Protein backbone atom coordinates (compact mmCIF):
# COMPACT_ATOMS: atom_id res chain seq x y z
CA MET A 1 81.62 137.15 -3.94
CA GLN A 2 77.86 137.18 -5.44
CA THR A 3 75.07 135.03 -4.23
CA ILE A 4 75.09 131.61 -6.59
CA ARG A 5 71.62 131.56 -8.10
CA ALA A 6 72.16 127.87 -9.56
CA GLY A 7 69.66 126.71 -12.75
CA PHE A 8 69.83 123.06 -13.93
CA VAL A 9 69.21 122.09 -17.26
CA GLY A 10 68.46 118.47 -18.48
CA LEU A 11 66.64 116.44 -15.20
CA GLY A 12 67.37 112.68 -16.75
CA ALA A 13 68.42 109.94 -14.55
CA MET A 14 71.46 111.47 -13.14
CA GLY A 15 70.67 115.34 -13.48
CA TRP A 16 67.72 114.97 -11.25
CA PHE A 17 69.47 113.60 -8.52
CA MET A 18 72.28 116.30 -8.98
CA ALA A 19 69.63 119.26 -8.98
CA ALA A 20 68.45 117.91 -6.18
CA HIS A 21 71.66 118.31 -4.02
CA LEU A 22 71.36 121.98 -5.28
CA HIS A 23 68.39 122.04 -3.99
CA GLN A 24 69.07 121.05 -0.32
CA ARG A 25 72.12 123.09 -0.10
CA GLY A 26 69.91 125.92 -0.90
CA LEU A 27 71.77 127.23 -4.38
CA LEU A 28 68.84 125.64 -7.01
CA ALA A 29 66.72 129.03 -8.33
CA ALA A 30 65.34 127.05 -11.97
CA VAL A 31 65.35 123.64 -13.63
CA ALA A 32 64.86 123.15 -17.27
CA ASN A 33 64.08 120.25 -19.38
CA ARG A 34 63.47 119.13 -23.32
CA SER A 35 60.17 117.78 -21.41
CA ALA A 36 58.59 120.59 -19.64
CA GLU A 37 56.44 118.46 -17.79
CA LYS A 38 59.55 116.82 -16.40
CA ALA A 39 60.65 120.29 -14.81
CA GLN A 40 57.31 121.22 -13.78
CA ARG A 41 57.24 117.85 -11.63
CA PHE A 42 60.58 118.42 -10.12
CA ALA A 43 59.49 122.14 -9.48
CA GLY A 44 56.70 120.79 -8.06
CA GLU A 45 58.12 118.42 -5.52
CA HIS A 46 60.89 120.96 -4.26
CA ALA A 47 59.52 124.08 -2.70
CA GLY A 48 61.06 127.21 -3.90
CA VAL A 49 62.15 126.01 -7.33
CA THR A 50 61.03 127.56 -10.74
CA ALA A 51 60.40 125.32 -13.52
CA ALA A 52 62.05 127.80 -16.59
CA THR A 53 62.99 126.87 -20.13
CA VAL A 54 66.37 126.80 -21.44
CA ASP A 55 65.65 130.51 -23.05
CA THR A 56 64.03 132.16 -19.86
CA ILE A 57 66.62 130.21 -17.07
CA ALA A 58 69.28 132.79 -17.48
CA GLN A 59 66.78 135.28 -15.97
CA TYR A 60 66.56 133.16 -12.63
CA CYS A 61 70.59 132.15 -12.72
CA ASN A 62 73.86 133.39 -12.38
CA VAL A 63 74.97 129.75 -12.76
CA ILE A 64 73.74 127.42 -15.39
CA VAL A 65 74.81 123.63 -15.00
CA LEU A 66 73.36 121.35 -18.18
CA CYS A 67 74.16 117.68 -18.42
CA VAL A 68 72.24 116.15 -21.89
CA SER A 69 73.19 113.58 -24.14
CA ALA A 70 74.68 115.24 -27.51
CA ASP A 71 77.68 117.43 -28.48
CA ALA A 72 74.97 118.82 -30.31
CA ASP A 73 72.51 119.19 -27.67
CA VAL A 74 75.76 121.75 -25.43
CA LEU A 75 76.27 123.80 -28.55
CA ASP A 76 72.83 124.34 -29.00
CA LEU A 77 72.11 125.20 -25.71
CA SER A 78 75.27 127.29 -25.48
CA ARG A 79 74.23 129.22 -28.54
CA ARG A 80 70.69 130.16 -26.54
CA LEU A 81 72.14 130.70 -23.16
CA ALA A 82 75.07 133.09 -24.53
CA ALA A 83 71.98 135.31 -26.33
CA SER A 84 70.30 135.41 -22.88
CA ALA A 85 72.54 134.94 -19.59
CA ALA A 86 73.73 138.11 -18.01
CA ALA A 87 77.71 138.83 -18.48
CA GLY A 88 79.16 137.36 -15.78
CA SER A 89 77.56 134.36 -15.68
CA VAL A 90 78.97 130.91 -15.55
CA VAL A 91 77.92 127.90 -17.69
CA ILE A 92 78.86 124.22 -16.33
CA ASP A 93 78.68 121.27 -18.36
CA HIS A 94 78.61 117.59 -16.98
CA SER A 95 77.62 115.78 -20.24
CA THR A 96 80.18 114.13 -22.16
CA VAL A 97 81.33 115.41 -25.23
CA SER A 98 84.15 115.84 -27.44
CA SER A 99 86.92 118.27 -26.25
CA THR A 100 86.30 120.43 -29.38
CA THR A 101 82.64 120.96 -28.65
CA ALA A 102 83.74 121.89 -24.98
CA VAL A 103 86.11 124.39 -26.70
CA THR A 104 83.36 125.50 -29.05
CA ALA A 105 80.74 126.24 -26.55
CA ALA A 106 83.08 128.01 -24.39
CA ALA A 107 83.71 130.34 -26.86
CA LEU A 108 80.14 131.31 -28.05
CA LEU A 109 79.94 131.99 -24.18
CA GLN A 110 82.82 133.78 -23.80
CA ALA A 111 81.89 135.88 -26.72
CA ALA A 112 78.84 137.28 -24.48
CA GLY A 113 80.53 137.91 -21.28
CA SER A 114 79.92 134.21 -19.49
CA ASP A 115 82.44 131.66 -18.98
CA PHE A 116 82.79 128.08 -19.31
CA VAL A 117 83.57 124.94 -17.46
CA ASP A 118 83.58 121.72 -18.78
CA ALA A 119 82.91 118.90 -16.32
CA PRO A 120 82.15 115.20 -16.92
CA VAL A 121 81.24 113.28 -14.53
CA SER A 122 81.90 109.53 -13.09
CA GLY A 123 80.28 107.88 -10.80
CA GLY A 124 76.92 106.96 -12.46
CA VAL A 125 73.33 107.26 -11.20
CA GLU A 126 74.39 105.95 -7.44
CA GLY A 127 77.58 108.36 -7.35
CA ALA A 128 74.39 111.19 -8.38
CA LYS A 129 72.07 109.87 -5.92
CA ASN A 130 74.84 109.83 -2.90
CA GLY A 131 76.20 112.89 -4.38
CA LYS A 132 79.64 111.30 -4.74
CA LEU A 133 80.14 111.94 -8.08
CA SER A 134 84.26 112.61 -9.64
CA ILE A 135 84.43 115.24 -11.74
CA MET A 136 86.77 116.21 -14.22
CA ALA A 137 87.41 119.79 -14.86
CA GLY A 138 88.37 122.39 -17.78
CA GLY A 139 88.56 125.88 -17.44
CA ALA A 140 90.04 128.91 -15.74
CA ALA A 141 90.95 128.13 -11.92
CA GLU A 142 89.22 131.36 -10.51
CA THR A 143 86.00 130.08 -12.87
CA LEU A 144 86.23 127.14 -11.54
CA ALA A 145 86.53 128.15 -7.62
CA ARG A 146 83.46 130.34 -8.02
CA VAL A 147 81.51 127.63 -8.68
CA GLN A 148 83.20 125.35 -6.24
CA PRO A 149 80.09 125.19 -3.76
CA VAL A 150 77.90 123.96 -6.76
CA LEU A 151 80.28 121.04 -7.65
CA GLU A 152 80.53 120.14 -4.15
CA ALA A 153 76.71 119.48 -3.91
CA TYR A 154 77.03 116.24 -5.27
CA ALA A 155 80.73 115.73 -5.79
CA ALA A 156 82.68 113.39 -3.67
CA ARG A 157 85.92 114.55 -5.89
CA ILE A 158 86.56 117.53 -7.54
CA THR A 159 89.95 117.78 -10.21
CA HIS A 160 91.15 120.54 -12.11
CA MET A 161 92.63 119.06 -14.95
CA GLY A 162 93.36 121.91 -17.18
CA PRO A 163 91.63 124.36 -19.65
CA VAL A 164 88.97 124.06 -21.31
CA GLY A 165 88.32 120.58 -23.21
CA ALA A 166 90.89 118.92 -20.69
CA GLY A 167 87.94 117.60 -18.73
CA GLN A 168 86.29 115.70 -21.86
CA ASN A 169 89.66 114.39 -22.69
CA THR A 170 89.98 113.04 -19.38
CA LYS A 171 86.35 111.49 -19.61
CA ALA A 172 87.50 110.02 -22.93
CA VAL A 173 90.07 108.03 -20.93
CA ASN A 174 87.95 107.32 -18.09
CA GLN A 175 85.15 105.82 -20.99
CA VAL A 176 88.16 103.57 -21.89
CA LEU A 177 88.90 102.10 -18.88
CA ILE A 178 84.99 101.69 -18.32
CA ALA A 179 84.66 99.69 -21.59
CA GLY A 180 87.96 97.66 -20.96
CA ILE A 181 86.51 96.36 -17.25
CA ALA A 182 83.48 95.49 -18.78
CA GLN A 183 84.75 93.55 -21.36
CA ALA A 184 86.92 91.49 -18.37
CA VAL A 185 84.02 91.13 -16.01
CA THR A 186 81.58 89.94 -18.15
CA GLU A 187 83.75 87.89 -19.93
CA GLY A 188 84.90 86.34 -16.56
CA LEU A 189 81.83 86.06 -14.87
CA ALA A 190 80.19 84.21 -18.31
CA LEU A 191 82.95 81.57 -17.84
CA GLY A 192 81.99 81.00 -14.14
CA GLU A 193 78.48 80.99 -14.81
CA ALA A 194 78.95 78.47 -17.34
CA LEU A 195 81.53 76.31 -15.13
CA GLY A 196 78.80 75.99 -12.99
CA LEU A 197 80.13 78.58 -9.97
CA GLU A 198 77.87 79.56 -7.31
CA PRO A 199 77.87 83.25 -7.64
CA ALA A 200 76.81 84.02 -3.74
CA ALA A 201 80.53 82.71 -3.10
CA LEU A 202 82.12 83.30 -6.69
CA LEU A 203 81.49 87.42 -6.25
CA PRO A 204 83.14 88.34 -2.96
CA THR A 205 85.94 86.03 -3.56
CA LEU A 206 86.84 87.88 -6.78
CA ALA A 207 86.21 91.16 -5.09
CA ALA A 208 88.43 90.62 -2.14
CA GLY A 209 91.29 90.21 -4.42
CA ALA A 210 93.57 91.73 -7.47
CA ALA A 211 90.24 91.40 -9.34
CA GLY A 212 87.87 93.47 -7.75
CA ASN A 213 86.49 96.55 -8.99
CA TRP A 214 84.21 98.98 -8.94
CA PHE A 215 81.80 97.37 -12.14
CA LEU A 216 82.08 94.02 -10.39
CA ASP A 217 80.93 94.87 -7.04
CA LYS A 218 77.81 97.16 -8.72
CA ARG A 219 77.03 95.11 -11.28
CA GLY A 220 77.99 91.66 -11.02
CA ALA A 221 74.89 90.21 -8.79
CA SER A 222 72.73 92.03 -11.28
CA MET A 223 74.19 90.75 -14.53
CA LEU A 224 73.75 86.90 -13.44
CA ALA A 225 70.22 87.92 -12.23
CA ASN A 226 69.82 89.22 -15.68
CA GLN A 227 68.96 92.52 -14.21
CA PHE A 228 70.13 94.95 -16.99
CA SER A 229 68.06 98.25 -16.09
CA VAL A 230 70.27 99.95 -13.18
CA GLY A 231 72.42 101.72 -14.25
CA PHE A 232 74.36 103.48 -17.38
CA LYS A 233 72.79 102.46 -20.87
CA LEU A 234 74.88 100.93 -23.04
CA GLY A 235 74.10 103.00 -25.97
CA LEU A 236 75.26 106.33 -24.26
CA LEU A 237 78.77 104.66 -24.06
CA HIS A 238 78.61 103.31 -27.52
CA LYS A 239 77.71 107.24 -28.51
CA ASP A 240 80.90 108.14 -26.01
CA LEU A 241 83.63 105.81 -27.76
CA GLY A 242 82.68 106.80 -30.81
CA ILE A 243 83.81 110.32 -29.73
CA VAL A 244 86.97 108.61 -27.92
CA ARG A 245 87.67 106.63 -31.15
CA GLU A 246 88.06 109.81 -33.15
CA LEU A 247 90.58 111.22 -29.92
CA ALA A 248 92.40 107.60 -30.13
CA LEU A 249 92.90 107.69 -34.00
CA ALA A 250 94.45 111.58 -34.35
CA ALA A 251 96.46 110.51 -30.89
CA GLY A 252 97.85 107.28 -33.04
CA THR A 253 97.35 105.34 -30.23
CA ASP A 254 95.86 101.78 -29.50
CA ARG A 255 92.27 100.87 -30.37
CA SER A 256 91.36 97.26 -29.53
CA VAL A 257 89.70 98.04 -26.77
CA ILE A 258 87.45 100.64 -27.84
CA ASP A 259 86.89 98.93 -31.40
CA LYS A 260 85.75 95.52 -29.55
CA SER A 261 83.44 97.43 -27.03
CA LEU A 262 82.11 99.41 -30.17
CA ALA A 263 81.50 96.56 -32.11
CA ASP A 264 80.00 94.47 -29.16
CA TYR A 265 77.67 97.14 -28.31
CA ALA A 266 76.16 97.76 -31.42
CA GLU A 267 75.53 94.35 -31.60
CA LEU A 268 73.28 94.65 -28.76
CA MET A 269 71.73 97.57 -30.32
CA ALA A 270 70.50 95.86 -33.22
CA ARG A 271 69.03 93.38 -30.64
CA GLY A 272 67.25 96.40 -28.87
CA HIS A 273 68.95 96.45 -25.76
CA SER A 274 69.99 100.03 -26.04
CA ASP A 275 68.40 101.01 -22.68
CA ASP A 276 69.99 98.12 -20.77
CA ASP A 277 72.64 99.06 -18.57
CA ILE A 278 76.11 98.22 -19.85
CA SER A 279 76.70 94.73 -18.22
CA ALA A 280 74.18 93.42 -20.63
CA LEU A 281 77.33 93.01 -22.45
CA ILE A 282 77.56 89.69 -20.57
CA ARG A 283 74.84 88.56 -23.14
CA LEU A 284 77.51 88.52 -25.65
CA LYS A 285 79.66 86.34 -23.88
CA ARG A 286 77.60 83.66 -22.90
CA PRO A 287 77.86 80.23 -24.98
CA GLN A 288 75.93 81.29 -27.85
CA ALA A 289 72.85 78.89 -29.21
């Protein structure tokens, strides 16, 4: 099998750590970022890695990983990589976008002789930092097998969900669950706070029973301490839920959690909290002046 030379595009809160794990495995050849300074800083801190651009990274790599924010970014990057990547290259997209975007990106790359895997992730910044992400992948089984060493560098679980687009559809389901759990946990903890219950006793008691969950464990104490800079930005979840709502409309399923969460996060964004962690939802659950 051809030796993997990986490139990473998008050194954000999660991407930086994911790229660092690839470097630790000896797989990373080059990085690129919207801000060239950040790519240069990463290369300066990781010996042997080249700071490239989106238009030059394919010169160094045969597997290119994307971790960006928006559908338009994924399509733009796919067009540019289709024009520069060698035949047989593989593009892995860890962004959260629509399954339609994933299918379009795959078609662009496949027309140029490259393969594509849509591989959104779950696990947050902590999962990226600790190399414990859950990856839901869509694409050909043989393509996924070729890039398995890349994914294993930062994943605790890799699941092949089906053809291109299936990964993003799985992430859509994931985001509904995240939104619903956030609604329940923030509402419950706001009530506990209003009733004067001590967090030091309340949180471990809840976590030990049927109410225990990742969000309560990782965000319960921080939200009660009004610390909202610890994880996934609520503005990004709002963007994701907009994609999910279109899928739910087409599928004809209930959208109660989706619509409530879209409205709540829009309200928080209007108040200037777009960059807060999603646990800032507790602001709306507390008694309003």
